[in-house]
Amino acid sequence: MMPWRRHRRTRPAVEGAALADAWQLVSLLLDYPDERLLGLAPVLRSSAQGLPAAVREPIGAFLDHLEAHDLAALQEEYVDTFDVTRRCALHLTYFLHGDTRKRGVALVQFTQAYRAAGASLDDVGGELPDHLCVLLEFGATCDLDTAWKLLNDHRVGIELLYTALTGKRSPWLPVVQALRATLPQLQGDDEEALARLIAQGPPQEDVGIDSAPYAQDPALDEHLGAPLRPGPAPTTADLGSTIPVGAPR
């Protein structure tokens, strides 16, 4: 499957500083919840006030949920949402390339795009460069145009994430809804590609890969009984013939 480049030259519905603020908020709210995030909630709510309603209102809805729930419960729900099943993966290249060698090439392209913009991946906690939070942080703080191109290359993957979160009735659904409000709507064969992805799952290679579409990440099997967020995530130096969706958080 090829990236969806048709939307690269479209203009964001939210522009300039407002777009950077929106992406920064989404990046923070889609990350693993911790005490720092809870402490930032009033500041994040204030930052959202200057954004268009299509972005501000879903962010406010998620902040209501964040402030109303126990941190341990939020963390458990986050792991259950994003780390146990592939359908809600935050690693964008997975939706287009699955666990194949082509995904390794796509990850290198992300890294090269960041480096060309003068950004370093040293401070992203070991996350792979295609992680949605990493990309949004890069766009908000370094290069909006490059992030816009990468997000639109993976626009259908973002839509699939939104669809999966809808099915789970996830509290993180409004956060992705806010992101979608900054991106072009799907058109024509984009929707057909989305339907194929939902029905078939991403491309897979035959050796050592579970054949079920968007199945549980096999890399998680040995960690399901472990504490939350054990160990570092894999880096591009760890890539072999297949690449895990992401490390346990």
C-alpha atoms as a PDB file:
ATOM      1  CA  MET A   1       0.000   0.000   0.000  1.00  0.00           C
ATOM      2  CA  MET A   2       1.195   3.490  -0.835  1.00  0.00           C
ATOM      3  CA  PRO A   3       0.967   6.610   1.347  1.00  0.00           C
ATOM      4  CA  TRP A   4      -1.966   8.933   0.670  1.00  0.00           C
ATOM      5  CA  ARG A   5      -0.086  11.900  -0.768  1.00  0.00           C
ATOM      6  CA  ARG A   6      -3.071  13.531  -2.454  1.00  0.00           C
ATOM      7  CA  HIS A   7      -3.749  15.773   0.561  1.00  0.00           C
ATOM      8  CA  ARG A   8      -0.197  16.978   1.094  1.00  0.00           C
ATOM      9  CA  ARG A   9      -0.815  20.293  -0.681  1.00  0.00           C
ATOM     10  CA  THR A  10      -4.150  21.016   0.958  1.00  0.00           C
ATOM     11  CA  ARG A  11      -4.256  23.660   3.663  1.00  0.00           C
ATOM     12  CA  PRO A  12      -4.991  22.820   7.301  1.00  0.00           C
ATOM     13  CA  ALA A  13      -8.379  23.816   8.676  1.00  0.00           C
ATOM     14  CA  VAL A  14      -6.413  25.301  11.591  1.00  0.00           C
ATOM     15  CA  GLU A  15      -3.257  27.217  10.714  1.00  0.00           C
ATOM     16  CA  GLY A  16      -0.125  28.740  12.196  1.00  0.00           C
ATOM     17  CA  ALA A  17       0.191  28.995  15.961  1.00  0.00           C
ATOM     18  CA  ALA A  18      -3.294  27.532  16.483  1.00  0.00           C
ATOM     19  CA  LEU A  19      -2.333  24.396  14.527  1.00  0.00           C
ATOM     20  CA  ALA A  20       0.867  24.032  16.557  1.00  0.00           C
ATOM     21  CA  ASP A  21      -1.104  24.433  19.793  1.00  0.00           C
ATOM     22  CA  ALA A  22      -3.682  21.860  18.680  1.00  0.00           C
ATOM     23  CA  TRP A  23      -1.035  19.284  17.756  1.00  0.00           C
ATOM     24  CA  GLN A  24       0.874  19.910  20.972  1.00  0.00           C
ATOM     25  CA  LEU A  25      -2.259  19.318  23.027  1.00  0.00           C
ATOM     26  CA  VAL A  26      -3.131  16.139  21.151  1.00  0.00           C
ATOM     27  CA  SER A  27       0.446  14.870  21.522  1.00  0.00           C
ATOM     28  CA  LEU A  28       0.361  15.356  25.287  1.00  0.00           C
ATOM     29  CA  LEU A  29      -3.111  13.875  25.745  1.00  0.00           C
ATOM     30  CA  LEU A  30      -2.421  10.766  23.641  1.00  0.00           C
ATOM     31  CA  ASP A  31       0.687   9.959  25.653  1.00  0.00           C
ATOM     32  CA  TYR A  32       0.726   7.665  28.691  1.00  0.00           C
ATOM     33  CA  PRO A  33      -1.046   9.490  31.552  1.00  0.00           C
ATOM     34  CA  ASP A  34       1.050  10.344  34.587  1.00  0.00           C
ATOM     35  CA  GLU A  35       1.122  12.786  37.502  1.00  0.00           C
ATOM     36  CA  ARG A  36       2.683  15.468  35.312  1.00  0.00           C
ATOM     37  CA  LEU A  37      -0.187  15.281  32.822  1.00  0.00           C
ATOM     38  CA  LEU A  38      -2.750  15.550  35.614  1.00  0.00           C
ATOM     39  CA  GLY A  39      -0.945  18.603  36.936  1.00  0.00           C
ATOM     40  CA  LEU A  40      -0.950  20.202  33.491  1.00  0.00           C
ATOM     41  CA  ALA A  41      -4.680  19.689  32.940  1.00  0.00           C
ATOM     42  CA  PRO A  42      -5.740  23.254  33.917  1.00  0.00           C
ATOM     43  CA  VAL A  43      -3.030  24.741  31.675  1.00  0.00           C
ATOM     44  CA  LEU A  44      -4.029  22.494  28.783  1.00  0.00           C
ATOM     45  CA  ARG A  45      -7.680  23.467  29.206  1.00  0.00           C
ATOM     46  CA  SER A  46      -6.706  27.122  29.119  1.00  0.00           C
ATOM     47  CA  SER A  47      -4.569  26.583  25.994  1.00  0.00           C
ATOM     48  CA  ALA A  48      -7.486  24.941  24.219  1.00  0.00           C
ATOM     49  CA  GLN A  49      -9.764  27.942  24.741  1.00  0.00           C
ATOM     50  CA  GLY A  50      -8.269  29.821  21.789  1.00  0.00           C
ATOM     51  CA  LEU A  51      -8.790  26.948  19.346  1.00  0.00           C
ATOM     52  CA  PRO A  52     -11.760  26.390  17.009  1.00  0.00           C
ATOM     53  CA  ALA A  53     -14.719  24.603  18.569  1.00  0.00           C
ATOM     54  CA  ALA A  54     -14.098  21.425  16.536  1.00  0.00           C
ATOM     55  CA  VAL A  55     -10.750  21.083  18.332  1.00  0.00           C
ATOM     56  CA  ARG A  56     -11.508  22.772  21.664  1.00  0.00           C
ATOM     57  CA  GLU A  57     -14.663  20.873  22.571  1.00  0.00           C
ATOM     58  CA  PRO A  58     -13.379  17.287  22.225  1.00  0.00           C
ATOM     59  CA  ILE A  59     -10.199  18.227  24.066  1.00  0.00           C
ATOM     60  CA  GLY A  60     -12.321  19.678  26.857  1.00  0.00           C
ATOM     61  CA  ALA A  61     -14.374  16.475  26.980  1.00  0.00           C
ATOM     62  CA  PHE A  62     -11.252  14.370  27.412  1.00  0.00           C
ATOM     63  CA  LEU A  63      -9.863  16.704  30.087  1.00  0.00           C
ATOM     64  CA  ASP A  64     -13.142  16.290  31.983  1.00  0.00           C
ATOM     65  CA  HIS A  65     -12.568  12.520  31.912  1.00  0.00           C
ATOM     66  CA  LEU A  66      -8.907  12.895  32.894  1.00  0.00           C
ATOM     67  CA  GLU A  67      -9.683  15.013  35.933  1.00  0.00           C
ATOM     68  CA  ALA A  68     -12.571  12.814  37.068  1.00  0.00           C
ATOM     69  CA  HIS A  69     -10.720   9.484  37.196  1.00  0.00           C
ATOM     70  CA  ASP A  70      -8.049   7.865  39.320  1.00  0.00           C
ATOM     71  CA  LEU A  71      -4.582   7.880  37.731  1.00  0.00           C
ATOM     72  CA  ALA A  72      -4.011   4.141  38.186  1.00  0.00           C
ATOM     73  CA  ALA A  73      -7.306   3.387  36.438  1.00  0.00           C
ATOM     74  CA  LEU A  74      -6.404   5.751  33.594  1.00  0.00           C
ATOM     75  CA  GLN A  75      -3.039   4.058  33.154  1.00  0.00           C
ATOM     76  CA  GLU A  76      -4.593   0.597  33.089  1.00  0.00           C
ATOM     77  CA  GLU A  77      -7.172   1.723  30.544  1.00  0.00           C
ATOM     78  CA  TYR A  78      -4.463   3.332  28.399  1.00  0.00           C
ATOM     79  CA  VAL A  79      -2.460   0.099  28.249  1.00  0.00           C
ATOM     80  CA  ASP A  80      -5.601  -1.884  27.437  1.00  0.00           C
ATOM     81  CA  THR A  81      -6.456   0.584  24.666  1.00  0.00           C
ATOM     82  CA  PHE A  82      -3.155   1.246  22.925  1.00  0.00           C
ATOM     83  CA  ASP A  83      -0.722  -1.492  23.870  1.00  0.00           C
ATOM     84  CA  VAL A  84      -2.586  -4.802  23.949  1.00  0.00           C
ATOM     85  CA  THR A  85      -4.203  -4.753  20.490  1.00  0.00           C
ATOM     86  CA  ARG A  86      -2.783  -3.634  17.167  1.00  0.00           C
ATOM     87  CA  ARG A  87      -6.031  -2.051  16.002  1.00  0.00           C
ATOM     88  CA  CYS A  88      -5.377   0.994  18.214  1.00  0.00           C
ATOM     89  CA  ALA A  89      -1.666   1.250  17.456  1.00  0.00           C
ATOM     90  CA  LEU A  90      -0.191   4.744  17.679  1.00  0.00           C
ATOM     91  CA  HIS A  91       2.631   3.747  15.290  1.00  0.00           C
ATOM     92  CA  LEU A  92       1.442   5.073  11.935  1.00  0.00           C
ATOM     93  CA  THR A  93       3.565   2.981   9.577  1.00  0.00           C
ATOM     94  CA  TYR A  94       1.980  -0.187  10.948  1.00  0.00           C
ATOM     95  CA  PHE A  95      -1.364   0.582   9.321  1.00  0.00           C
ATOM     96  CA  LEU A  96       0.174   0.832   5.843  1.00  0.00           C
ATOM     97  CA  HIS A  97       2.943  -1.745   6.088  1.00  0.00           C
ATOM     98  CA  GLY A  98       2.184  -4.103   8.972  1.00  0.00           C
ATOM     99  CA  ASP A  99       5.116  -6.156  10.292  1.00  0.00           C
ATOM    100  CA  THR A 100       6.996  -6.209   6.990  1.00  0.00           C
ATOM    101  CA  ARG A 101      10.364  -5.081   5.699  1.00  0.00           C
ATOM    102  CA  LYS A 102       8.663  -2.163   3.961  1.00  0.00           C
ATOM    103  CA  ARG A 103       7.855  -0.773   7.379  1.00  0.00           C
ATOM    104  CA  GLY A 104      11.566  -0.561   8.120  1.00  0.00           C
ATOM    105  CA  VAL A 105      12.022   1.613   5.030  1.00  0.00           C
ATOM    106  CA  ALA A 106       9.114   3.822   6.108  1.00  0.00           C
ATOM    107  CA  LEU A 107      10.637   4.267   9.573  1.00  0.00           C
ATOM    108  CA  VAL A 108      13.912   5.361   8.015  1.00  0.00           C
ATOM    109  CA  GLN A 109      12.006   7.915   5.935  1.00  0.00           C
ATOM    110  CA  PHE A 110      10.463   9.351   9.118  1.00  0.00           C
ATOM    111  CA  THR A 111      13.895   9.604  10.717  1.00  0.00           C
ATOM    112  CA  GLN A 112      15.382  11.281   7.644  1.00  0.00           C
ATOM    113  CA  ALA A 113      12.543  13.799   7.544  1.00  0.00           C
ATOM    114  CA  TYR A 114      13.165  14.725  11.183  1.00  0.00           C
ATOM    115  CA  ARG A 115      16.903  15.066  10.658  1.00  0.00           C
ATOM    116  CA  ALA A 116      16.417  17.200   7.540  1.00  0.00           C
ATOM    117  CA  ALA A 117      14.387  19.588   9.700  1.00  0.00           C
ATOM    118  CA  GLY A 118      17.142  19.684  12.335  1.00  0.00           C
ATOM    119  CA  ALA A 119      15.285  17.582  14.894  1.00  0.00           C
ATOM    120  CA  SER A 120      16.795  14.883  17.091  1.00  0.00           C
ATOM    121  CA  LEU A 121      15.121  11.691  18.299  1.00  0.00           C
ATOM    122  CA  ASP A 122      17.332  11.532  21.392  1.00  0.00           C
ATOM    123  CA  ASP A 123      14.635  12.941  23.672  1.00  0.00           C
ATOM    124  CA  VAL A 124      11.561  10.884  22.711  1.00  0.00           C
ATOM    125  CA  GLY A 125      11.940   8.135  25.299  1.00  0.00           C
ATOM    126  CA  GLY A 126      13.038   5.451  22.865  1.00  0.00           C
ATOM    127  CA  GLU A 127       9.833   5.623  20.821  1.00  0.00           C
ATOM    128  CA  LEU A 128       9.933   4.738  17.142  1.00  0.00           C
ATOM    129  CA  PRO A 129       9.826   7.817  14.884  1.00  0.00           C
ATOM    130  CA  ASP A 130       6.361   6.988  13.503  1.00  0.00           C
ATOM    131  CA  HIS A 131       4.681   7.220  16.915  1.00  0.00           C
ATOM    132  CA  LEU A 132       1.807   9.679  16.568  1.00  0.00           C
ATOM    133  CA  CYS A 133       2.781  11.649  19.683  1.00  0.00           C
ATOM    134  CA  VAL A 134       6.363  12.016  18.419  1.00  0.00           C
ATOM    135  CA  LEU A 135       5.188  13.242  15.008  1.00  0.00           C
ATOM    136  CA  LEU A 136       2.752  15.755  16.486  1.00  0.00           C
ATOM    137  CA  GLU A 137       5.383  17.065  18.905  1.00  0.00           C
ATOM    138  CA  PHE A 138       7.782  17.444  15.978  1.00  0.00           C
ATOM    139  CA  GLY A 139       5.163  19.355  14.005  1.00  0.00           C
ATOM    140  CA  ALA A 140       4.229  21.611  16.907  1.00  0.00           C
ATOM    141  CA  THR A 141       7.768  22.517  17.892  1.00  0.00           C
ATOM    142  CA  CYS A 142       9.921  22.105  14.808  1.00  0.00           C
ATOM    143  CA  ASP A 143       8.369  21.835  11.332  1.00  0.00           C
ATOM    144  CA  LEU A 144       4.626  22.088  10.682  1.00  0.00           C
ATOM    145  CA  ASP A 145       4.955  21.547   6.935  1.00  0.00           C
ATOM    146  CA  THR A 146       6.944  18.315   7.158  1.00  0.00           C
ATOM    147  CA  ALA A 147       4.626  16.949   9.839  1.00  0.00           C
ATOM    148  CA  TRP A 148       1.634  17.883   7.679  1.00  0.00           C
ATOM    149  CA  LYS A 149       3.019  15.825   4.794  1.00  0.00           C
ATOM    150  CA  LEU A 150       3.739  12.820   7.006  1.00  0.00           C
ATOM    151  CA  LEU A 151       0.330  12.965   8.682  1.00  0.00           C
ATOM    152  CA  ASN A 152      -1.413  13.086   5.328  1.00  0.00           C
ATOM    153  CA  ASP A 153       0.701  10.217   3.989  1.00  0.00           C
ATOM    154  CA  HIS A 154      -0.838   8.220   6.859  1.00  0.00           C
ATOM    155  CA  ARG A 155      -4.264   9.871   6.895  1.00  0.00           C
ATOM    156  CA  VAL A 156      -6.156   6.609   6.400  1.00  0.00           C
ATOM    157  CA  GLY A 157      -4.249   5.043   9.307  1.00  0.00           C
ATOM    158  CA  ILE A 158      -5.403   7.873  11.548  1.00  0.00           C
ATOM    159  CA  GLU A 159      -8.961   7.233  10.396  1.00  0.00           C
ATOM    160  CA  LEU A 160      -8.582   3.548  11.194  1.00  0.00           C
ATOM    161  CA  LEU A 161      -7.340   4.460  14.681  1.00  0.00           C
ATOM    162  CA  TYR A 162     -10.400   6.689  15.112  1.00  0.00           C
ATOM    163  CA  THR A 163     -12.701   3.886  13.963  1.00  0.00           C
ATOM    164  CA  ALA A 164     -11.101   1.433  16.382  1.00  0.00           C
ATOM    165  CA  LEU A 165     -11.389   3.853  19.317  1.00  0.00           C
ATOM    166  CA  THR A 166     -15.039   4.401  18.395  1.00  0.00           C
ATOM    167  CA  GLY A 167     -15.642   0.660  18.569  1.00  0.00           C
ATOM    168  CA  LYS A 168     -14.008   0.494  22.002  1.00  0.00           C
ATOM    169  CA  ARG A 169     -15.906   3.587  23.210  1.00  0.00           C
ATOM    170  CA  SER A 170     -12.528   4.780  24.368  1.00  0.00           C
ATOM    171  CA  PRO A 171     -12.151   7.981  26.394  1.00  0.00           C
ATOM    172  CA  TRP A 172      -9.256   8.857  24.043  1.00  0.00           C
ATOM    173  CA  LEU A 173     -11.639   9.020  21.080  1.00  0.00           C
ATOM    174  CA  PRO A 174     -12.253  12.803  21.480  1.00  0.00           C
ATOM    175  CA  VAL A 175      -8.493  13.446  21.354  1.00  0.00           C
ATOM    176  CA  VAL A 176      -8.212  11.775  17.949  1.00  0.00           C
ATOM    177  CA  GLN A 177     -11.410  13.556  16.934  1.00  0.00           C
ATOM    178  CA  ALA A 178      -9.654  16.852  17.681  1.00  0.00           C
ATOM    179  CA  LEU A 179      -6.701  15.789  15.515  1.00  0.00           C
ATOM    180  CA  ARG A 180      -9.042  14.825  12.658  1.00  0.00           C
ATOM    181  CA  ALA A 181     -10.519  18.325  12.798  1.00  0.00           C
ATOM    182  CA  THR A 182      -7.125  19.689  11.707  1.00  0.00           C
ATOM    183  CA  LEU A 183      -6.746  17.251   8.771  1.00  0.00           C
ATOM    184  CA  PRO A 184      -8.490  16.870   5.390  1.00  0.00           C
ATOM    185  CA  GLN A 185     -11.528  14.627   5.208  1.00  0.00           C
ATOM    186  CA  LEU A 186     -11.193  11.318   3.377  1.00  0.00           C
ATOM    187  CA  GLN A 187     -12.300  11.325  -0.249  1.00  0.00           C
ATOM    188  CA  GLY A 188     -13.328   8.746  -2.813  1.00  0.00           C
ATOM    189  CA  ASP A 189     -10.990   5.772  -2.863  1.00  0.00           C
ATOM    190  CA  ASP A 190      -9.553   6.812   0.514  1.00  0.00           C
ATOM    191  CA  GLU A 191     -12.742   5.433   2.043  1.00  0.00           C
ATOM    192  CA  GLU A 192     -12.409   2.258  -0.020  1.00  0.00           C
ATOM    193  CA  ALA A 193      -8.848   1.828   1.244  1.00  0.00           C
ATOM    194  CA  LEU A 194     -10.089   2.330   4.793  1.00  0.00           C
ATOM    195  CA  ALA A 195     -12.714  -0.378   4.304  1.00  0.00           C
ATOM    196  CA  ARG A 196     -10.046  -2.774   3.002  1.00  0.00           C
ATOM    197  CA  LEU A 197      -7.782  -2.059   5.954  1.00  0.00           C
ATOM    198  CA  ILE A 198     -10.614  -2.713   8.389  1.00  0.00           C
ATOM    199  CA  ALA A 199     -11.544  -5.977   6.655  1.00  0.00           C
ATOM    200  CA  GLN A 200      -8.085  -7.352   5.933  1.00  0.00           C
ATOM    201  CA  GLY A 201      -5.671  -5.704   8.336  1.00  0.00           C
ATOM    202  CA  PRO A 202      -2.287  -4.367   7.216  1.00  0.00           C
ATOM    203  CA  PRO A 203       0.137  -6.242   4.931  1.00  0.00           C
ATOM    204  CA  GLN A 204       1.931  -9.159   6.567  1.00  0.00           C
ATOM    205  CA  GLU A 205       4.800 -11.457   5.774  1.00  0.00           C
ATOM    206  CA  ASP A 206       4.267 -15.167   6.174  1.00  0.00           C
ATOM    207  CA  VAL A 207       7.071 -16.025   8.575  1.00  0.00           C
ATOM    208  CA  GLY A 208       6.502 -15.573  12.294  1.00  0.00           C
ATOM    209  CA  ILE A 209       3.493 -13.283  11.979  1.00  0.00           C
ATOM    210  CA  ASP A 210       0.004 -13.837  13.393  1.00  0.00           C
ATOM    211  CA  SER A 211      -2.416 -14.012  10.455  1.00  0.00           C
ATOM    212  CA  ALA A 212      -5.368 -12.376  12.248  1.00  0.00           C
ATOM    213  CA  PRO A 213      -5.905  -8.746  11.207  1.00  0.00           C
ATOM    214  CA  TYR A 214      -4.933  -6.331  13.970  1.00  0.00           C
ATOM    215  CA  ALA A 215      -4.425  -9.200  16.414  1.00  0.00           C
ATOM    216  CA  GLN A 216      -2.774  -8.866  19.775  1.00  0.00           C
ATOM    217  CA  ASP A 217       0.857  -7.831  19.339  1.00  0.00           C
ATOM    218  CA  PRO A 218       2.868 -11.052  19.858  1.00  0.00           C
ATOM    219  CA  ALA A 219       5.638  -8.967  21.394  1.00  0.00           C
ATOM    220  CA  LEU A 220       3.280  -8.358  24.308  1.00  0.00           C
ATOM    221  CA  ASP A 221       2.571 -12.006  25.120  1.00  0.00           C
ATOM    222  CA  GLU A 222       5.369 -12.340  27.642  1.00  0.00           C
ATOM    223  CA  HIS A 223       4.563  -8.984  29.221  1.00  0.00           C
ATOM    224  CA  LEU A 224       0.840  -9.229  29.884  1.00  0.00           C
ATOM    225  CA  GLY A 225       1.383  -9.983  33.539  1.00  0.00           C
ATOM    226  CA  ALA A 226       4.202  -7.473  33.983  1.00  0.00           C
ATOM    227  CA  PRO A 227       3.959  -4.002  35.591  1.00  0.00           C
ATOM    228  CA  LEU A 228       2.980  -1.100  33.383  1.00  0.00           C
ATOM    229  CA  ARG A 229       5.609   0.423  31.074  1.00  0.00           C
ATOM    230  CA  PRO A 230       8.384  -2.154  31.598  1.00  0.00           C
ATOM    231  CA  GLY A 231      11.690  -1.488  29.896  1.00  0.00           C
ATOM    232  CA  PRO A 232      12.610   0.742  26.955  1.00  0.00           C
ATOM    233  CA  ALA A 233      10.909   0.706  23.591  1.00  0.00           C
ATOM    234  CA  PRO A 234      12.803  -0.616  20.577  1.00  0.00           C
ATOM    235  CA  THR A 235      14.745   1.872  18.491  1.00  0.00           C
ATOM    236  CA  THR A 236      15.515   1.851  14.803  1.00  0.00           C
ATOM    237  CA  ALA A 237      18.773   0.113  15.641  1.00  0.00           C
ATOM    238  CA  ASP A 238      16.755  -2.913  16.783  1.00  0.00           C
ATOM    239  CA  LEU A 239      14.889  -3.385  13.502  1.00  0.00           C
ATOM    240  CA  GLY A 240      15.083  -6.816  11.923  1.00  0.00           C
ATOM    241  CA  SER A 241      13.071  -8.396   9.137  1.00  0.00           C
ATOM    242  CA  THR A 242       9.880  -7.549  11.016  1.00  0.00           C
ATOM    243  CA  ILE A 243       9.216  -4.655  13.389  1.00  0.00           C
ATOM    244  CA  PRO A 244       6.964  -4.892  16.464  1.00  0.00           C
ATOM    245  CA  VAL A 245       4.090  -2.430  16.524  1.00  0.00           C
ATOM    246  CA  GLY A 246       5.548  -0.881  19.666  1.00  0.00           C
ATOM    247  CA  ALA A 247       7.038  -1.868  22.962  1.00  0.00           C
ATOM    248  CA  PRO A 248       4.838  -2.455  26.042  1.00  0.00           C
ATOM    249  CA  ARG A 249       4.298   0.886  27.698  1.00  0.00           C
END
